[in-house]
Protein backbone atom coordinates (compact mmCIF):
# COMPACT_ATOMS: atom_id res chain seq x y z
CA MET A 1 -23.76 -101.91 -40.82
CA SER A 2 -22.09 -99.61 -38.36
CA HIS A 3 -22.16 -102.07 -35.49
CA HIS A 4 -19.05 -103.13 -33.66
CA PRO A 5 -18.61 -106.18 -31.46
CA PRO A 6 -18.91 -105.54 -27.75
CA SER A 7 -15.60 -104.35 -26.34
CA HIS A 8 -15.81 -106.70 -23.35
CA PHE A 9 -15.04 -109.76 -25.50
CA PRO A 10 -11.54 -111.06 -24.73
CA GLY A 11 -8.84 -111.36 -27.39
CA ARG A 12 -7.40 -114.45 -29.05
CA ARG A 13 -8.95 -117.72 -27.98
CA SER A 14 -8.84 -121.15 -29.51
CA VAL A 15 -11.15 -123.06 -27.20
CA LEU A 16 -12.95 -125.77 -29.12
CA ARG A 17 -16.31 -126.49 -27.55
CA GLY A 18 -18.55 -129.49 -28.09
CA SER A 19 -18.23 -132.46 -30.38
CA LEU A 20 -19.02 -130.34 -33.45
CA ALA A 21 -16.01 -128.14 -32.95
CA ALA A 22 -13.82 -131.03 -31.91
CA SER A 23 -14.59 -132.96 -35.08
CA ALA A 24 -14.12 -129.76 -37.08
CA ALA A 25 -10.54 -129.57 -35.84
CA LEU A 26 -9.84 -132.39 -38.29
CA ALA A 27 -10.32 -129.96 -41.10
CA LEU A 28 -8.51 -126.84 -40.03
CA PRO A 29 -5.37 -126.81 -42.21
CA THR A 30 -2.29 -125.80 -40.25
CA ALA A 31 -1.02 -123.71 -43.11
CA LEU A 32 -2.43 -122.59 -46.42
CA GLY A 33 -1.66 -125.10 -49.14
CA SER A 34 -0.85 -127.96 -46.80
CA ALA A 35 -3.11 -130.94 -46.36
CA PRO A 36 -4.87 -131.29 -43.00
CA ALA A 37 -2.39 -132.63 -40.51
CA LEU A 38 -4.50 -135.35 -38.95
CA ALA A 39 -5.13 -138.97 -39.99
CA LEU A 40 -4.92 -139.20 -43.74
CA SER A 41 -5.48 -142.94 -43.57
CA GLY A 42 -9.27 -143.49 -43.56
CA ARG A 43 -11.61 -142.30 -46.27
CA PRO A 44 -12.49 -138.70 -47.19
CA LYS A 45 -15.17 -137.13 -44.99
CA ALA A 46 -17.64 -134.35 -45.77
CA GLY A 47 -18.20 -133.03 -42.26
CA TRP A 48 -19.51 -129.65 -43.41
CA GLY A 49 -22.55 -131.05 -45.15
CA VAL A 50 -23.74 -130.18 -48.62
CA GLN A 51 -25.32 -127.12 -50.21
CA ALA A 52 -27.20 -126.51 -53.45
CA GLY A 53 -27.45 -123.11 -55.06
CA ASP A 54 -28.58 -121.05 -58.06
CA VAL A 55 -31.10 -123.70 -59.11
CA THR A 56 -32.87 -123.24 -62.47
CA ALA A 57 -35.45 -125.26 -64.40
CA ASP A 58 -32.81 -127.69 -65.67
CA SER A 59 -29.70 -127.17 -63.53
CA GLY A 60 -28.30 -126.66 -60.06
CA LEU A 61 -24.97 -126.32 -58.30
CA VAL A 62 -23.98 -128.75 -55.54
CA TRP A 63 -21.22 -127.89 -53.05
CA VAL A 64 -19.16 -129.95 -50.63
CA ARG A 65 -15.96 -129.74 -48.57
CA SER A 66 -13.65 -132.64 -47.90
CA ASP A 67 -11.24 -133.13 -45.01
CA ARG A 68 -8.44 -134.11 -47.43
CA PRO A 69 -7.76 -134.35 -51.18
CA ALA A 70 -10.66 -136.13 -52.89
CA ARG A 71 -12.58 -136.46 -56.12
CA MET A 72 -16.14 -135.09 -55.88
CA ILE A 73 -18.83 -137.38 -57.30
CA VAL A 74 -22.54 -136.51 -57.32
CA GLU A 75 -25.38 -138.94 -57.89
CA THR A 76 -28.94 -137.73 -58.56
CA SER A 77 -32.23 -139.59 -58.47
CA ALA A 78 -35.98 -138.96 -58.54
CA THR A 79 -36.31 -140.93 -55.29
CA GLU A 80 -34.50 -141.16 -51.97
CA SER A 81 -33.71 -144.82 -52.62
CA PHE A 82 -31.35 -143.93 -55.51
CA SER A 83 -32.48 -147.13 -57.22
CA ARG A 84 -32.05 -145.38 -60.56
CA SER A 85 -29.47 -142.63 -60.51
CA ARG A 86 -27.28 -140.46 -62.72
CA ARG A 87 -23.64 -139.91 -61.85
CA TRP A 88 -21.74 -136.64 -62.25
CA HIS A 89 -17.96 -136.43 -61.99
CA GLY A 90 -16.99 -133.23 -60.19
CA PRO A 91 -13.67 -131.55 -59.53
CA LEU A 92 -10.64 -132.77 -57.65
CA LEU A 93 -10.78 -131.09 -54.24
CA GLY A 94 -7.44 -129.85 -52.99
CA ALA A 95 -5.66 -127.23 -50.95
CA ASP A 96 -6.00 -124.60 -53.71
CA THR A 97 -9.75 -124.28 -52.91
CA ASP A 98 -9.49 -125.26 -49.23
CA PHE A 99 -10.80 -128.73 -50.20
CA THR A 100 -14.14 -127.26 -51.35
CA GLY A 101 -15.75 -127.89 -54.72
CA THR A 102 -18.91 -127.32 -56.71
CA THR A 103 -20.44 -129.52 -59.41
CA ARG A 104 -22.98 -128.16 -61.88
CA LEU A 105 -25.80 -130.56 -62.62
CA ARG A 106 -27.30 -130.02 -66.08
CA GLY A 107 -30.20 -131.48 -68.02
CA LEU A 108 -32.44 -131.93 -64.97
CA PRO A 109 -36.24 -132.20 -65.32
CA ALA A 110 -38.17 -128.98 -64.60
CA GLY A 111 -40.36 -128.66 -61.52
CA GLU A 112 -39.16 -131.89 -59.92
CA GLN A 113 -37.71 -132.87 -56.55
CA ILE A 114 -34.08 -133.84 -57.13
CA HIS A 115 -32.42 -136.09 -54.57
CA TYR A 116 -28.66 -136.03 -54.62
CA ARG A 117 -25.79 -137.55 -52.71
CA VAL A 118 -22.15 -136.54 -52.75
CA LEU A 119 -19.40 -139.13 -52.61
CA LEU A 120 -15.79 -138.22 -51.92
CA ALA A 121 -13.37 -140.62 -53.55
CA ASP A 122 -9.69 -141.17 -52.77
CA PRO A 123 -7.86 -139.61 -55.75
CA ASP A 124 -5.43 -142.55 -55.86
CA ASP A 125 -8.07 -145.25 -55.42
CA PRO A 126 -11.53 -144.25 -56.73
CA ARG A 127 -13.08 -147.36 -55.13
CA ARG A 128 -12.34 -145.91 -51.69
CA THR A 129 -15.15 -143.45 -51.00
CA GLY A 130 -16.31 -141.80 -47.82
CA GLU A 131 -19.79 -141.91 -46.32
CA PRO A 132 -22.22 -140.32 -48.81
CA VAL A 133 -23.87 -137.03 -47.79
CA THR A 134 -27.39 -136.50 -49.10
CA GLY A 135 -29.42 -133.43 -50.00
CA THR A 136 -32.42 -132.40 -52.04
CA PHE A 137 -33.81 -129.44 -53.98
CA ARG A 138 -36.65 -128.67 -56.38
CA THR A 139 -35.90 -127.43 -59.89
CA THR A 140 -37.90 -124.39 -60.93
CA PRO A 141 -41.20 -125.19 -62.66
CA ALA A 142 -41.85 -124.63 -66.36
CA GLY A 143 -45.44 -123.57 -65.56
CA ARG A 144 -46.91 -121.38 -62.85
CA ARG A 145 -49.48 -123.73 -61.36
CA ARG A 146 -47.54 -124.75 -58.30
CA GLY A 147 -46.68 -121.23 -57.16
CA VAL A 148 -43.43 -120.17 -55.48
CA ARG A 149 -42.45 -119.87 -51.84
CA PHE A 150 -39.07 -118.54 -50.74
CA LEU A 151 -37.51 -117.04 -47.62
CA TRP A 152 -34.96 -114.29 -47.10
CA SER A 153 -32.82 -112.91 -44.29
CA GLY A 154 -29.20 -112.04 -43.53
CA ASP A 155 -26.65 -111.19 -40.83
CA LEU A 156 -25.18 -114.38 -39.34
CA ALA A 157 -22.82 -114.58 -36.32
CA GLY A 158 -22.50 -110.83 -35.92
CA GLN A 159 -21.39 -108.67 -32.99
CA GLY A 160 -19.63 -111.64 -31.38
CA TRP A 161 -22.81 -113.73 -31.01
CA GLY A 162 -21.82 -117.08 -32.47
CA ILE A 163 -23.05 -120.66 -32.17
CA ASN A 164 -24.38 -121.00 -28.61
CA PRO A 165 -25.01 -124.67 -27.72
CA ASP A 166 -27.01 -123.61 -24.64
CA ILE A 167 -29.81 -122.22 -26.80
CA GLY A 168 -29.54 -124.87 -29.52
CA GLY A 169 -27.30 -122.98 -31.96
CA TYR A 170 -28.82 -121.31 -35.01
CA ARG A 171 -32.37 -122.49 -34.28
CA ILE A 172 -33.91 -120.04 -36.76
CA TYR A 173 -32.88 -122.41 -39.57
CA ASP A 174 -35.16 -125.14 -38.23
CA ALA A 175 -38.12 -122.75 -38.23
CA MET A 176 -37.30 -121.81 -41.83
CA ALA A 177 -36.92 -125.44 -42.89
CA ARG A 178 -40.41 -126.25 -41.58
CA LEU A 179 -41.88 -123.95 -44.25
CA ASP A 180 -40.24 -126.09 -46.96
CA PRO A 181 -39.36 -123.14 -49.23
CA ASP A 182 -38.24 -123.47 -52.84
CA PHE A 183 -35.10 -121.51 -51.98
CA PHE A 184 -33.49 -119.21 -49.42
CA LEU A 185 -32.21 -115.77 -50.41
CA CYS A 186 -29.30 -114.77 -48.17
CA SER A 187 -29.24 -110.97 -48.36
CA GLY A 188 -25.62 -110.54 -47.25
CA ASP A 189 -23.44 -110.53 -44.14
CA SER A 190 -23.26 -114.31 -44.32
CA ILE A 191 -20.21 -114.03 -42.04
CA TYR A 192 -18.68 -111.31 -39.84
CA ALA A 193 -15.04 -111.41 -40.87
CA ASP A 194 -14.42 -108.36 -38.68
CA GLY A 195 -16.23 -109.80 -35.64
CA PRO A 196 -14.13 -112.14 -33.47
CA ILE A 197 -16.04 -114.73 -31.45
CA ALA A 198 -14.90 -115.29 -27.88
CA ALA A 199 -15.76 -118.26 -25.66
CA THR A 200 -18.12 -116.28 -23.42
CA ALA A 201 -19.89 -112.94 -23.06
CA THR A 202 -21.82 -111.50 -20.14
CA LEU A 203 -25.49 -110.75 -20.86
CA PRO A 204 -27.35 -107.75 -19.34
CA ASP A 205 -29.02 -109.98 -16.73
CA GLY A 206 -25.61 -111.22 -15.55
CA SER A 207 -25.90 -114.65 -17.17
CA THR A 208 -23.23 -116.00 -19.49
CA TRP A 209 -23.52 -116.45 -23.26
CA ARG A 210 -21.31 -119.28 -24.52
CA ASN A 211 -19.91 -119.62 -28.02
CA ILE A 212 -18.37 -122.50 -29.89
CA THR A 213 -15.02 -121.01 -30.89
CA THR A 214 -12.28 -121.68 -33.44
CA GLU A 215 -8.79 -120.33 -33.97
CA GLU A 216 -9.74 -118.39 -37.12
CA LYS A 217 -12.60 -116.63 -35.31
CA SER A 218 -10.35 -115.40 -32.48
CA LYS A 219 -9.32 -112.25 -34.41
CA VAL A 220 -10.40 -110.16 -37.40
CA ALA A 221 -9.90 -111.99 -40.70
CA GLU A 222 -6.93 -110.81 -42.75
CA SER A 223 -5.35 -113.89 -44.35
CA LEU A 224 -7.11 -116.11 -46.86
CA ALA A 225 -7.03 -118.92 -44.27
CA GLU A 226 -8.81 -116.69 -41.75
CA PHE A 227 -11.53 -115.70 -44.22
CA ARG A 228 -12.04 -119.37 -45.07
CA GLY A 229 -12.25 -120.15 -41.37
CA ASN A 230 -15.07 -117.61 -41.00
CA PHE A 231 -17.20 -119.39 -43.60
CA ARG A 232 -16.33 -122.77 -42.13
CA TYR A 233 -17.33 -121.61 -38.64
CA ASN A 234 -21.03 -121.33 -39.50
CA LEU A 235 -20.98 -124.87 -40.89
CA LEU A 236 -20.27 -126.17 -37.38
CA ASP A 237 -23.98 -125.56 -36.69
CA GLU A 238 -26.14 -128.64 -37.21
CA ASN A 239 -29.32 -126.60 -37.83
CA LEU A 240 -27.67 -124.75 -40.71
CA LYS A 241 -26.25 -127.97 -42.17
CA ARG A 242 -29.69 -129.63 -42.11
CA PHE A 243 -31.21 -126.56 -43.74
CA ASN A 244 -28.53 -126.47 -46.45
CA ALA A 245 -29.27 -130.11 -47.30
CA GLN A 246 -32.98 -129.36 -47.74
CA VAL A 247 -33.16 -125.82 -49.18
CA PRO A 248 -31.10 -124.41 -52.06
CA SER A 249 -29.75 -120.89 -51.74
CA ILE A 250 -29.30 -117.67 -53.66
CA ILE A 251 -26.42 -115.87 -51.95
CA GLN A 252 -25.33 -112.24 -52.13
CA TRP A 253 -22.78 -110.38 -50.08
CA ASP A 254 -22.53 -107.08 -48.25
CA ASP A 255 -19.82 -105.57 -46.04
CA HIS A 256 -19.09 -108.02 -43.22
CA GLU A 257 -17.81 -110.67 -45.61
CA VAL A 258 -14.82 -108.30 -45.69
CA ARG A 259 -15.06 -105.54 -43.06
CA ASN A 260 -17.66 -103.19 -41.61
CA ASN A 261 -18.77 -100.50 -44.11
CA TRP A 262 -15.97 -101.19 -46.58
CA TYR A 263 -15.68 -99.62 -50.02
CA PRO A 264 -13.17 -100.12 -52.87
CA GLY A 265 -9.91 -98.25 -52.41
CA GLU A 266 -10.38 -97.80 -48.68
CA VAL A 267 -7.27 -97.73 -46.49
CA ILE A 268 -7.72 -98.73 -42.85
CA ALA A 269 -6.67 -96.08 -40.36
CA ALA A 270 -3.39 -96.65 -38.52
CA SER A 271 -5.33 -96.31 -35.26
CA ASP A 272 -7.19 -99.58 -36.00
CA THR A 273 -4.51 -101.86 -34.59
CA ARG A 274 -6.61 -104.98 -35.17
CA TYR A 275 -5.45 -104.94 -38.80
CA THR A 276 -1.86 -105.30 -39.97
CA GLU A 277 -3.11 -105.40 -43.61
CA LYS A 278 -4.39 -101.86 -44.21
CA SER A 279 -5.51 -102.21 -47.85
CA VAL A 280 -9.20 -103.08 -47.97
CA ASP A 281 -8.81 -104.07 -51.64
CA VAL A 282 -6.34 -106.80 -50.57
CA LEU A 283 -8.75 -107.98 -47.85
CA ALA A 284 -11.70 -107.89 -50.28
CA ALA A 285 -9.85 -110.03 -52.83
CA ARG A 286 -9.15 -112.68 -50.20
CA ALA A 287 -12.71 -112.51 -48.89
CA ARG A 288 -14.16 -112.80 -52.39
CA ARG A 289 -12.04 -115.87 -53.05
CA ALA A 290 -13.18 -117.56 -49.83
CA PHE A 291 -16.79 -116.52 -50.55
CA SER A 292 -16.59 -118.13 -54.01
CA GLU A 293 -15.17 -121.31 -52.47
CA TYR A 294 -17.77 -121.70 -49.72
CA PHE A 295 -20.99 -120.92 -51.62
CA PRO A 296 -22.36 -122.32 -54.89
CA LEU A 297 -22.75 -119.25 -57.14
CA SER A 298 -23.33 -119.63 -60.87
CA THR A 299 -21.44 -116.43 -61.70
CA LEU A 300 -18.34 -117.00 -59.54
CA ARG A 301 -15.73 -119.69 -60.04
CA PRO A 302 -14.52 -121.34 -56.82
CA GLY A 303 -11.09 -119.98 -56.00
CA GLY A 304 -11.10 -117.70 -59.01
CA LYS A 305 -10.89 -113.95 -59.53
CA ASP A 306 -13.35 -113.80 -62.41
CA GLY A 307 -17.08 -113.42 -62.31
CA ARG A 308 -19.47 -111.33 -60.30
CA VAL A 309 -22.01 -111.54 -57.51
CA TYR A 310 -24.82 -109.66 -59.27
CA ARG A 311 -27.06 -111.84 -61.44
CA VAL A 312 -30.67 -112.63 -62.23
CA MET A 313 -32.13 -115.96 -61.12
CA ARG A 314 -35.30 -116.97 -62.99
CA HIS A 315 -37.90 -119.05 -61.18
CA GLY A 316 -40.45 -119.99 -63.85
CA PRO A 317 -43.04 -117.57 -65.24
CA LEU A 318 -43.93 -116.14 -61.81
CA LEU A 319 -40.61 -114.81 -60.53
CA ASP A 320 -37.26 -113.31 -61.46
CA VAL A 321 -34.83 -112.45 -58.62
CA PHE A 322 -32.40 -109.63 -59.41
CA VAL A 323 -29.45 -110.12 -57.04
CA LEU A 324 -27.58 -106.84 -56.53
CA ASP A 325 -24.03 -106.14 -55.37
CA MET A 326 -23.99 -102.77 -53.59
CA ARG A 327 -20.44 -103.27 -52.35
CA THR A 328 -17.97 -104.03 -55.16
CA TYR A 329 -18.66 -101.08 -57.47
CA ARG A 330 -19.65 -98.31 -55.02
CA ASN A 331 -17.87 -95.03 -54.60
CA ALA A 332 -16.25 -94.04 -51.30
CA ASN A 333 -18.55 -93.49 -48.34
CA SER A 334 -19.07 -89.76 -47.87
CA SER A 335 -21.67 -87.31 -46.58
CA GLY A 336 -23.67 -88.17 -49.72
CA THR A 337 -24.49 -84.58 -50.67
CA GLN A 338 -22.97 -84.42 -54.17
CA THR A 339 -25.31 -83.27 -56.97
CA THR A 340 -23.89 -85.65 -59.59
CA ASP A 341 -22.96 -89.24 -58.83
CA PRO A 342 -22.85 -91.59 -61.84
CA GLN A 343 -20.94 -94.32 -59.96
CA GLY A 344 -23.28 -94.35 -56.99
CA ILE A 345 -23.74 -97.55 -55.02
CA LEU A 346 -24.15 -99.91 -58.00
CA GLY A 347 -21.59 -98.60 -60.48
CA VAL A 348 -22.50 -97.60 -64.04
CA GLU A 349 -22.27 -101.09 -65.56
CA GLN A 350 -24.42 -102.83 -62.94
CA LEU A 351 -27.12 -100.13 -63.17
CA GLU A 352 -27.28 -100.55 -66.95
CA TRP A 353 -27.44 -104.33 -66.53
CA LEU A 354 -30.29 -104.01 -64.01
CA LYS A 355 -32.31 -101.67 -66.25
CA ARG A 356 -31.78 -103.95 -69.24
CA GLU A 357 -32.72 -107.13 -67.37
CA LEU A 358 -35.77 -105.56 -65.71
CA SER A 359 -37.09 -104.36 -69.06
CA ARG A 360 -36.49 -107.81 -70.62
CA SER A 361 -38.12 -109.74 -67.78
CA ARG A 362 -41.44 -111.43 -68.55
CA ALA A 363 -41.91 -112.70 -64.99
CA VAL A 364 -45.05 -111.68 -63.12
CA TRP A 365 -42.91 -110.56 -60.15
CA LYS A 366 -39.50 -108.93 -60.23
CA VAL A 367 -37.90 -109.15 -56.80
CA ILE A 368 -34.95 -106.80 -56.40
CA ALA A 369 -32.66 -108.42 -53.82
CA SER A 370 -30.83 -105.46 -52.37
CA ASP A 371 -28.11 -105.95 -49.77
CA MET A 372 -28.88 -102.50 -48.31
CA PRO A 373 -32.13 -100.59 -47.75
CA LEU A 374 -33.11 -97.55 -49.85
CA GLY A 375 -34.85 -95.12 -47.51
CA LEU A 376 -33.32 -96.09 -44.16
CA VAL A 377 -30.39 -93.99 -43.02
CA VAL A 378 -27.35 -96.19 -42.30
CA PRO A 379 -24.49 -94.03 -40.97
CA ASP A 380 -20.79 -94.82 -41.26
CA THR A 381 -18.69 -93.30 -38.50
CA THR A 382 -15.65 -95.58 -38.90
CA GLU A 383 -13.48 -92.64 -40.07
CA GLY A 384 -14.79 -90.30 -37.39
CA LYS A 385 -16.91 -88.36 -39.93
CA PRO A 386 -20.70 -88.35 -40.38
CA ASN A 387 -20.49 -90.42 -43.56
CA ILE A 388 -23.24 -92.50 -45.14
CA GLU A 389 -22.99 -96.23 -45.65
CA ALA A 390 -26.14 -97.01 -47.69
CA VAL A 391 -28.21 -94.82 -50.07
CA ALA A 392 -30.25 -92.41 -47.94
CA GLN A 393 -28.25 -89.62 -46.32
CA GLY A 394 -30.89 -88.12 -44.03
CA ASP A 395 -31.77 -85.06 -46.11
CA PRO A 396 -35.47 -85.42 -47.04
CA GLY A 397 -35.12 -83.10 -50.05
CA ALA A 398 -34.28 -83.77 -53.70
CA PRO A 399 -32.00 -86.75 -54.46
CA LEU A 400 -28.32 -86.25 -53.69
CA GLY A 401 -25.32 -88.60 -53.72
CA ARG A 402 -26.22 -92.25 -54.20
CA GLU A 403 -29.93 -91.38 -54.16
CA LEU A 404 -29.46 -90.00 -57.69
CA GLN A 405 -28.77 -93.46 -59.08
CA ILE A 406 -31.79 -94.95 -57.30
CA ALA A 407 -33.95 -92.08 -58.60
CA GLU A 408 -32.77 -92.89 -62.13
CA LEU A 409 -33.71 -96.53 -61.66
CA LEU A 410 -37.15 -95.77 -60.15
CA ARG A 411 -37.87 -93.33 -62.99
CA PHE A 412 -36.87 -96.01 -65.51
CA VAL A 413 -39.24 -98.56 -63.93
CA LYS A 414 -42.12 -96.07 -64.15
CA HIS A 415 -41.52 -94.91 -67.72
CA ARG A 416 -40.89 -98.42 -69.07
CA ARG A 417 -44.06 -99.54 -67.23
CA ILE A 418 -42.22 -102.44 -65.58
CA THR A 419 -44.72 -104.33 -63.45
CA GLY A 420 -44.36 -106.25 -60.21
CA THR A 421 -41.18 -104.84 -58.65
CA VAL A 422 -40.65 -105.57 -54.94
CA TRP A 423 -37.52 -104.71 -52.91
CA LEU A 424 -36.14 -107.13 -50.28
CA THR A 425 -33.21 -106.40 -47.98
CA ALA A 426 -31.59 -107.11 -44.59
CA ASP A 427 -28.52 -105.35 -43.08
CA VAL A 428 -30.10 -103.17 -40.35
CA HIS A 429 -30.79 -105.92 -37.77
CA HIS A 430 -34.52 -105.40 -37.35
CA THR A 431 -37.59 -106.18 -39.45
CA SER A 432 -39.87 -103.63 -41.11
CA ALA A 433 -42.09 -102.85 -44.09
CA GLN A 434 -41.78 -99.51 -45.90
CA HIS A 435 -44.18 -98.21 -48.53
CA TYR A 436 -42.70 -95.60 -50.88
CA GLN A 437 -45.20 -93.10 -52.29
CA PRO A 438 -44.56 -90.13 -54.65
CA SER A 439 -47.22 -88.01 -52.94
CA ARG A 440 -45.08 -88.05 -49.77
CA ALA A 441 -41.74 -87.66 -51.58
CA ALA A 442 -39.38 -84.87 -52.63
CA PHE A 443 -38.63 -86.87 -55.82
CA THR A 444 -41.96 -87.75 -57.46
CA ASP A 445 -41.18 -89.32 -60.85
CA PHE A 446 -41.76 -92.94 -59.79
CA GLU A 447 -44.58 -95.35 -59.06
CA PRO A 448 -45.29 -96.51 -55.46
CA PHE A 449 -43.45 -99.63 -54.29
CA TRP A 450 -42.76 -101.73 -51.18
CA GLU A 451 -39.48 -102.52 -49.46
CA PHE A 452 -39.36 -105.30 -46.86
CA VAL A 453 -36.53 -105.68 -44.34
CA SER A 454 -35.61 -108.82 -42.38
CA GLY A 455 -32.72 -110.19 -40.30
CA PRO A 456 -30.70 -110.80 -38.34
CA LEU A 457 -30.42 -114.58 -38.47
CA ASN A 458 -28.03 -114.75 -35.51
CA ALA A 459 -26.50 -111.40 -34.60
CA GLY A 460 -27.05 -108.37 -32.41
CA ALA A 461 -30.44 -106.67 -32.86
CA PHE A 462 -30.60 -102.88 -33.10
CA PRO A 463 -33.19 -100.08 -32.90
CA ALA A 464 -35.06 -99.03 -36.02
CA SER A 465 -33.16 -96.80 -38.44
CA ALA A 466 -34.24 -93.25 -39.21
CA LEU A 467 -36.24 -92.72 -42.41
CA ASP A 468 -35.21 -90.34 -45.20
CA GLY A 469 -38.15 -88.64 -46.95
CA THR A 470 -36.61 -88.26 -50.43
CA PHE A 471 -38.61 -91.18 -51.86
CA GLY A 472 -41.54 -90.80 -49.46
CA PRO A 473 -41.23 -93.93 -47.30
CA GLU A 474 -43.82 -94.71 -44.65
CA ARG A 475 -42.92 -97.39 -42.13
CA VAL A 476 -46.10 -99.46 -42.07
CA PHE A 477 -44.65 -102.06 -39.70
CA VAL A 478 -41.50 -102.39 -37.58
CA LYS A 479 -40.27 -104.67 -34.85
CA ALA A 480 -36.96 -103.66 -33.30
CA PRO A 481 -35.48 -103.44 -29.81
CA THR A 482 -35.01 -100.12 -28.03
CA ALA A 483 -31.53 -101.14 -26.83
CA SER A 484 -28.51 -101.71 -29.09
CA ASN A 485 -26.88 -105.09 -29.71
CA VAL A 486 -29.53 -107.29 -28.10
CA SER A 487 -28.20 -110.86 -28.19
CA PRO A 488 -30.09 -113.65 -29.97
CA ALA A 489 -31.02 -114.92 -26.49
CA GLY A 490 -33.09 -111.74 -26.17
CA GLY A 491 -35.07 -112.38 -29.34
CA TYR A 492 -35.41 -109.98 -32.27
CA GLN A 493 -34.09 -112.48 -34.83
CA PHE A 494 -36.12 -112.45 -38.05
CA PHE A 495 -36.70 -113.91 -41.50
CA GLY A 496 -39.17 -113.08 -44.25
CA GLU A 497 -41.34 -115.25 -46.48
CA VAL A 498 -42.63 -114.56 -49.99
CA ASP A 499 -45.49 -116.72 -51.25
CA ILE A 500 -46.71 -116.32 -54.84
CA ASP A 501 -50.02 -118.02 -55.66
CA GLY A 502 -49.90 -119.96 -58.92
CA ASP A 503 -53.55 -119.33 -59.82
CA SER A 504 -54.12 -115.68 -58.88
CA GLY A 505 -50.51 -114.49 -59.13
CA GLU A 506 -50.92 -112.68 -55.80
CA LEU A 507 -47.70 -112.16 -53.84
CA THR A 508 -47.91 -112.39 -50.06
CA VAL A 509 -45.05 -111.19 -47.85
CA ARG A 510 -44.90 -112.40 -44.26
CA LEU A 511 -42.39 -111.00 -41.80
CA ARG A 512 -41.62 -113.70 -39.23
CA GLU A 513 -39.57 -113.99 -36.06
CA GLN A 514 -37.14 -116.75 -35.23
CA ASP A 515 -39.71 -119.37 -34.14
CA GLY A 516 -41.74 -118.76 -37.31
CA THR A 517 -44.45 -116.57 -35.73
CA VAL A 518 -45.97 -114.23 -38.33
CA LEU A 519 -45.62 -110.56 -37.30
CA PHE A 520 -46.92 -108.79 -40.40
CA THR A 521 -48.57 -109.76 -43.70
CA GLN A 522 -48.90 -107.76 -46.92
CA VAL A 523 -50.64 -109.00 -50.09
CA LEU A 524 -49.67 -107.44 -53.43
CA GLN A 525 -51.57 -107.75 -56.72
CA PRO A 526 -49.89 -108.85 -59.97
CA GLY A 527 -49.63 -106.88 -63.20
CA ARG A 528 -49.25 -103.40 -61.71
CA VAL A 529 -46.45 -100.92 -62.28
CA GLY A 530 -46.87 -99.50 -58.79
CA GLN A 531 -48.92 -100.28 -55.68
């Protein structure tokens, strides 16, 4: 996203506001690899809540962070009373993973509500445990009767708009929690590592926006400790912590987990004095490590270099979610006018994986979770050139650049007669619904499909992006501001809902705003290659 934080934000600050931030100071290590400096007497505390992620029919990942070295223990039960429970011994949490850890729960019953609690035990005295932290999630059903409901959005704490206690923090998470979804798909930009958060900002009406602030969020993230601090910052919000305890996640990443519009091999210009580390590959490696430590992902090891973000998450017979990574394997941002482009935005290997998994899928619906939109033009002017950040490059003619790879994929879906594909994305900081139709397109060898855009969760809102006619998109619905970087106090914060009916198999998409109000509804029929 080519959006920069407002220039009027002051520089380094380390003002801790409110009890949340004050208590969080307990867990900000003074230096990487050292234990937190404060009171190591007491028992381990899990002040950042719990998260569950990548839940399947018989498994799930549970995440926690301790304020000091501790052994992670998870207990699960069919009831909140924990009268009959199973115990799982998790990892030892230490400085090497910033005191975070994930435990995989296996052999769970399908289609059931799982109650869990995390205990943090003193490594030297296992009888000394901290206050348990509880959470819950539903395993995916073996049958289709119950249906599926999930939500998606992205873009959290962007453009300098952080946790504002005056408006109740990240309130959108409470509206999402009220819908009791089976899971939440975070479509990327889960942090803004390149977006410092200052104590205050002046709004257009002259009033003051206040942020909870931390030391790590006072500058762009470069060190591993600063990237970790970015992920930890969002967990100072009570709404988000409550949501995490109730709703499991499927997380993907985009650019702001590292830096605006980044691509592999990029070198930051000398004129960008915010960065002393100029190698984006170095920054991306640190960001990826922190990302793997702070989210429960089945394909990434916490603190490790191995694994990948792209994966398919199966949710019973009704739904497969294909989680893409349009960041790690892309070529350099350019004008996007080349006539051959095998690497594209996905890379060769990921494209082959996606085609293979789509053709193997037996799910009624195949949701393609894309961290960037297909037909919306997202420019990249960070190098002073009219480069392209996403897929569409603004030329409505035959596919060029990264569009070639998407054309290959859309052609594959048509010729393999793959039914029930729907594209979901965020990134552009407004909500919209696009219908792609060959009769309107320059490239015609595909079946019609829908792409739905949501977000931001808590970030600046921006005007609607221009459409590129190559794949024939028509914007059926849009809600976006006319001004740039409208604060969350001004509205325009969005999430989307997908509801699949167990009996009919119909898929209903609802685009919602931050209080849950439905703005747009589209019903899709199962069993069709295109619609």
